[in-house]
């Protein structure tokens, strides 16, 4: 019977780890979006031209948005 108690604890711990991973993914995805937008804003404020911020900024924002979408889409699934 002690196996059931250990299994329950392992499942609870695995659930906590998975939830932590999901939340940290959401946080880091949001950070990527903000970094991308800030890069674009800084490039515009400095006069732009052919700034690398116009290229890298949207890529960062798209990366963050895509990862955030994937993280939130899997939310309802067990």
N, C-alpha and C. Protein backbone atom coordinates (compact mmCIF):
# COMPACT_ATOMS: atom_id res chain seq x y z
N UNK A 1 0.81 -1.20 0.00
CA UNK A 1 0.00 0.00 0.00
C UNK A 1 0.85 1.26 0.00
N UNK A 2 2.07 1.15 0.45
CA UNK A 2 2.92 2.33 0.46
C UNK A 2 3.28 2.78 -0.95
N UNK A 3 3.16 1.86 -1.91
CA UNK A 3 3.42 2.24 -3.30
C UNK A 3 2.42 3.27 -3.80
N UNK A 4 1.17 3.13 -3.37
CA UNK A 4 0.15 4.10 -3.79
C UNK A 4 0.47 5.50 -3.26
N UNK A 5 0.94 5.57 -2.02
CA UNK A 5 1.31 6.86 -1.45
C UNK A 5 2.48 7.48 -2.18
N UNK A 6 3.46 6.67 -2.55
CA UNK A 6 4.61 7.17 -3.29
C UNK A 6 4.21 7.60 -4.69
N UNK A 7 3.33 6.82 -5.31
CA UNK A 7 2.85 7.18 -6.64
C UNK A 7 2.10 8.50 -6.62
N UNK A 8 1.27 8.68 -5.60
CA UNK A 8 0.53 9.94 -5.47
C UNK A 8 1.47 11.11 -5.30
N UNK A 9 2.50 10.93 -4.48
CA UNK A 9 3.46 12.02 -4.27
C UNK A 9 4.24 12.31 -5.54
N UNK A 10 4.61 11.27 -6.27
CA UNK A 10 5.34 11.48 -7.53
C UNK A 10 4.48 12.20 -8.55
N UNK A 11 3.21 11.82 -8.62
CA UNK A 11 2.30 12.48 -9.55
C UNK A 11 2.08 13.94 -9.16
N UNK A 12 1.96 14.19 -7.88
CA UNK A 12 1.79 15.58 -7.41
C UNK A 12 3.02 16.41 -7.72
N UNK A 13 4.20 15.82 -7.51
CA UNK A 13 5.44 16.54 -7.79
C UNK A 13 5.58 16.79 -9.30
N UNK A 14 5.25 15.79 -10.10
CA UNK A 14 5.32 15.95 -11.55
C UNK A 14 4.35 17.03 -12.02
N UNK A 15 3.19 17.08 -11.39
CA UNK A 15 2.21 18.10 -11.74
C UNK A 15 2.73 19.50 -11.40
N UNK A 16 3.36 19.63 -10.23
CA UNK A 16 3.93 20.93 -9.84
C UNK A 16 5.05 21.36 -10.78
N UNK A 17 5.89 20.41 -11.16
CA UNK A 17 6.98 20.73 -12.07
C UNK A 17 6.44 21.16 -13.43
N UNK A 18 5.42 20.45 -13.91
CA UNK A 18 4.83 20.80 -15.20
C UNK A 18 4.18 22.19 -15.16
N UNK A 19 3.52 22.50 -14.07
CA UNK A 19 2.89 23.82 -13.92
C UNK A 19 3.95 24.92 -13.85
N UNK A 20 5.05 24.66 -13.14
CA UNK A 20 6.14 25.63 -13.07
C UNK A 20 6.72 25.86 -14.46
N UNK A 21 6.90 24.79 -15.21
CA UNK A 21 7.45 24.91 -16.56
C UNK A 21 6.51 25.72 -17.44
N UNK A 22 5.22 25.47 -17.35
CA UNK A 22 4.25 26.21 -18.17
C UNK A 22 4.25 27.69 -17.82
N UNK A 23 4.27 27.99 -16.52
CA UNK A 23 4.27 29.40 -16.11
C UNK A 23 5.56 30.11 -16.50
N UNK A 24 6.68 29.44 -16.36
CA UNK A 24 7.95 30.07 -16.74
C UNK A 24 8.01 30.28 -18.25
N UNK A 25 7.42 29.37 -19.02
CA UNK A 25 7.36 29.55 -20.47
C UNK A 25 6.54 30.78 -20.82
N UNK A 26 5.43 30.98 -20.13
CA UNK A 26 4.59 32.16 -20.36
C UNK A 26 5.35 33.44 -20.02
N UNK A 27 6.06 33.42 -18.90
CA UNK A 27 6.82 34.62 -18.50
C UNK A 27 7.92 34.93 -19.52
N UNK A 28 8.72 33.93 -19.89
CA UNK A 28 9.81 34.18 -20.83
C UNK A 28 9.29 34.56 -22.22
N UNK A 29 8.17 34.00 -22.63
CA UNK A 29 7.57 34.39 -23.91
C UNK A 29 7.15 35.85 -23.88
N UNK A 30 6.57 36.27 -22.78
CA UNK A 30 6.18 37.68 -22.63
C UNK A 30 7.39 38.59 -22.64
N UNK A 31 8.46 38.16 -22.01
CA UNK A 31 9.70 38.95 -22.01
C UNK A 31 10.24 39.09 -23.44
N UNK A 32 10.20 38.01 -24.21
CA UNK A 32 10.66 38.08 -25.59
C UNK A 32 9.83 39.08 -26.40
N UNK A 33 8.53 39.10 -26.20
CA UNK A 33 7.67 40.05 -26.90
C UNK A 33 8.06 41.48 -26.54
N UNK A 34 8.24 41.73 -25.25
CA UNK A 34 8.60 43.08 -24.79
C UNK A 34 9.97 43.49 -25.33
N UNK A 35 10.93 42.59 -25.30
CA UNK A 35 12.28 42.90 -25.81
C UNK A 35 12.20 43.25 -27.30
N UNK A 36 11.42 42.49 -28.04
CA UNK A 36 11.27 42.79 -29.47
C UNK A 36 10.66 44.15 -29.72
N UNK A 37 9.62 44.47 -28.97
CA UNK A 37 8.97 45.78 -29.14
C UNK A 37 9.89 46.92 -28.71
N UNK A 38 10.65 46.72 -27.66
CA UNK A 38 11.60 47.74 -27.21
C UNK A 38 12.69 47.95 -28.26
N UNK A 39 13.16 46.87 -28.86
CA UNK A 39 14.18 47.00 -29.91
C UNK A 39 13.65 47.83 -31.08
N UNK A 40 12.42 47.58 -31.46
CA UNK A 40 11.83 48.37 -32.55
C UNK A 40 11.69 49.83 -32.13
N UNK A 41 11.22 50.06 -30.91
CA UNK A 41 11.07 51.43 -30.41
C UNK A 41 12.39 52.19 -30.35
N UNK A 42 13.42 51.54 -29.88
CA UNK A 42 14.73 52.19 -29.80
C UNK A 42 15.26 52.50 -31.20
N UNK A 43 15.06 51.58 -32.12
CA UNK A 43 15.52 51.81 -33.49
C UNK A 43 14.80 53.00 -34.11
N UNK A 44 13.48 53.08 -33.89
CA UNK A 44 12.71 54.21 -34.42
C UNK A 44 13.16 55.51 -33.77
N UNK A 45 13.37 55.50 -32.45
CA UNK A 45 13.72 56.74 -31.75
C UNK A 45 15.11 57.25 -32.14
N UNK A 46 15.97 56.36 -32.59
CA UNK A 46 17.32 56.77 -32.99
C UNK A 46 17.41 57.11 -34.47
N UNK A 47 16.30 57.18 -35.13
CA UNK A 47 16.31 57.59 -36.52
C UNK A 47 16.16 56.47 -37.51
N UNK A 48 16.23 55.25 -37.04
CA UNK A 48 15.97 54.11 -37.91
C UNK A 48 17.00 53.88 -38.97
N UNK A 49 16.67 54.33 -40.19
CA UNK A 49 17.52 53.99 -41.33
C UNK A 49 17.38 52.51 -41.59
N UNK A 50 18.48 51.85 -41.78
CA UNK A 50 18.46 50.39 -41.92
C UNK A 50 19.03 49.79 -40.65
N UNK A 51 18.28 49.99 -39.56
CA UNK A 51 18.74 49.50 -38.27
C UNK A 51 18.47 48.01 -38.10
N UNK A 52 19.37 47.35 -37.42
CA UNK A 52 19.21 45.92 -37.16
C UNK A 52 17.99 45.67 -36.28
N UNK A 53 17.56 46.69 -35.54
CA UNK A 53 16.38 46.57 -34.69
C UNK A 53 15.11 46.31 -35.48
N UNK A 54 15.08 46.79 -36.74
CA UNK A 54 13.92 46.53 -37.59
C UNK A 54 13.84 45.07 -38.01
N UNK A 55 14.95 44.40 -37.98
CA UNK A 55 14.98 42.99 -38.37
C UNK A 55 14.85 42.08 -37.15
N UNK A 56 15.68 42.33 -36.15
CA UNK A 56 15.72 41.45 -34.98
C UNK A 56 14.50 41.67 -34.07
N UNK A 57 14.04 42.90 -33.93
CA UNK A 57 12.90 43.20 -33.06
C UNK A 57 11.65 42.42 -33.40
N UNK A 58 11.19 42.47 -34.65
CA UNK A 58 10.00 41.67 -35.00
C UNK A 58 10.22 40.16 -34.85
N UNK A 59 11.45 39.72 -35.08
CA UNK A 59 11.73 38.29 -34.90
C UNK A 59 11.58 37.88 -33.44
N UNK A 60 12.10 38.70 -32.55
CA UNK A 60 11.94 38.42 -31.12
C UNK A 60 10.46 38.43 -30.73
N UNK A 61 9.73 39.44 -31.20
CA UNK A 61 8.31 39.53 -30.86
C UNK A 61 7.53 38.35 -31.42
N UNK A 62 7.84 37.94 -32.65
CA UNK A 62 7.15 36.80 -33.25
C UNK A 62 7.50 35.51 -32.52
N UNK A 63 8.75 35.36 -32.14
CA UNK A 63 9.15 34.18 -31.39
C UNK A 63 8.40 34.10 -30.07
N UNK A 64 8.34 35.19 -29.35
CA UNK A 64 7.62 35.22 -28.08
C UNK A 64 6.13 34.97 -28.26
N UNK A 65 5.53 35.59 -29.28
CA UNK A 65 4.10 35.42 -29.51
C UNK A 65 3.77 33.98 -29.90
N UNK A 66 4.60 33.39 -30.74
CA UNK A 66 4.37 32.01 -31.15
C UNK A 66 4.49 31.05 -29.98
N UNK A 67 5.50 31.25 -29.17
CA UNK A 67 5.70 30.36 -28.02
C UNK A 67 4.60 30.56 -26.99
N UNK A 68 4.16 31.78 -26.81
CA UNK A 68 3.07 32.06 -25.88
C UNK A 68 1.78 31.40 -26.37
N UNK A 69 1.53 31.47 -27.64
CA UNK A 69 0.33 30.84 -28.19
C UNK A 69 0.36 29.33 -27.97
N UNK A 70 1.51 28.72 -28.21
CA UNK A 70 1.62 27.28 -27.98
C UNK A 70 1.43 26.92 -26.53
N UNK A 71 1.98 27.73 -25.64
CA UNK A 71 1.86 27.45 -24.21
C UNK A 71 0.42 27.58 -23.73
N UNK A 72 -0.29 28.57 -24.25
CA UNK A 72 -1.67 28.78 -23.82
C UNK A 72 -2.65 27.83 -24.50
N UNK A 73 -2.32 27.38 -25.69
CA UNK A 73 -3.21 26.46 -26.39
C UNK A 73 -3.27 25.11 -25.69
N UNK A 74 -2.18 24.66 -25.14
CA UNK A 74 -2.15 23.38 -24.45
C UNK A 74 -2.71 23.42 -23.06
N UNK A 75 -3.22 24.56 -22.66
CA UNK A 75 -3.70 24.79 -21.29
C UNK A 75 -4.85 23.88 -20.90
N UNK A 76 -5.81 23.66 -21.78
CA UNK A 76 -6.98 22.89 -21.45
C UNK A 76 -6.78 21.38 -21.52
N UNK A 77 -5.66 20.97 -22.06
CA UNK A 77 -5.40 19.53 -22.21
C UNK A 77 -4.72 18.99 -20.97
N UNK A 78 -5.05 17.77 -20.57
CA UNK A 78 -4.41 17.20 -19.38
C UNK A 78 -2.97 16.84 -19.60
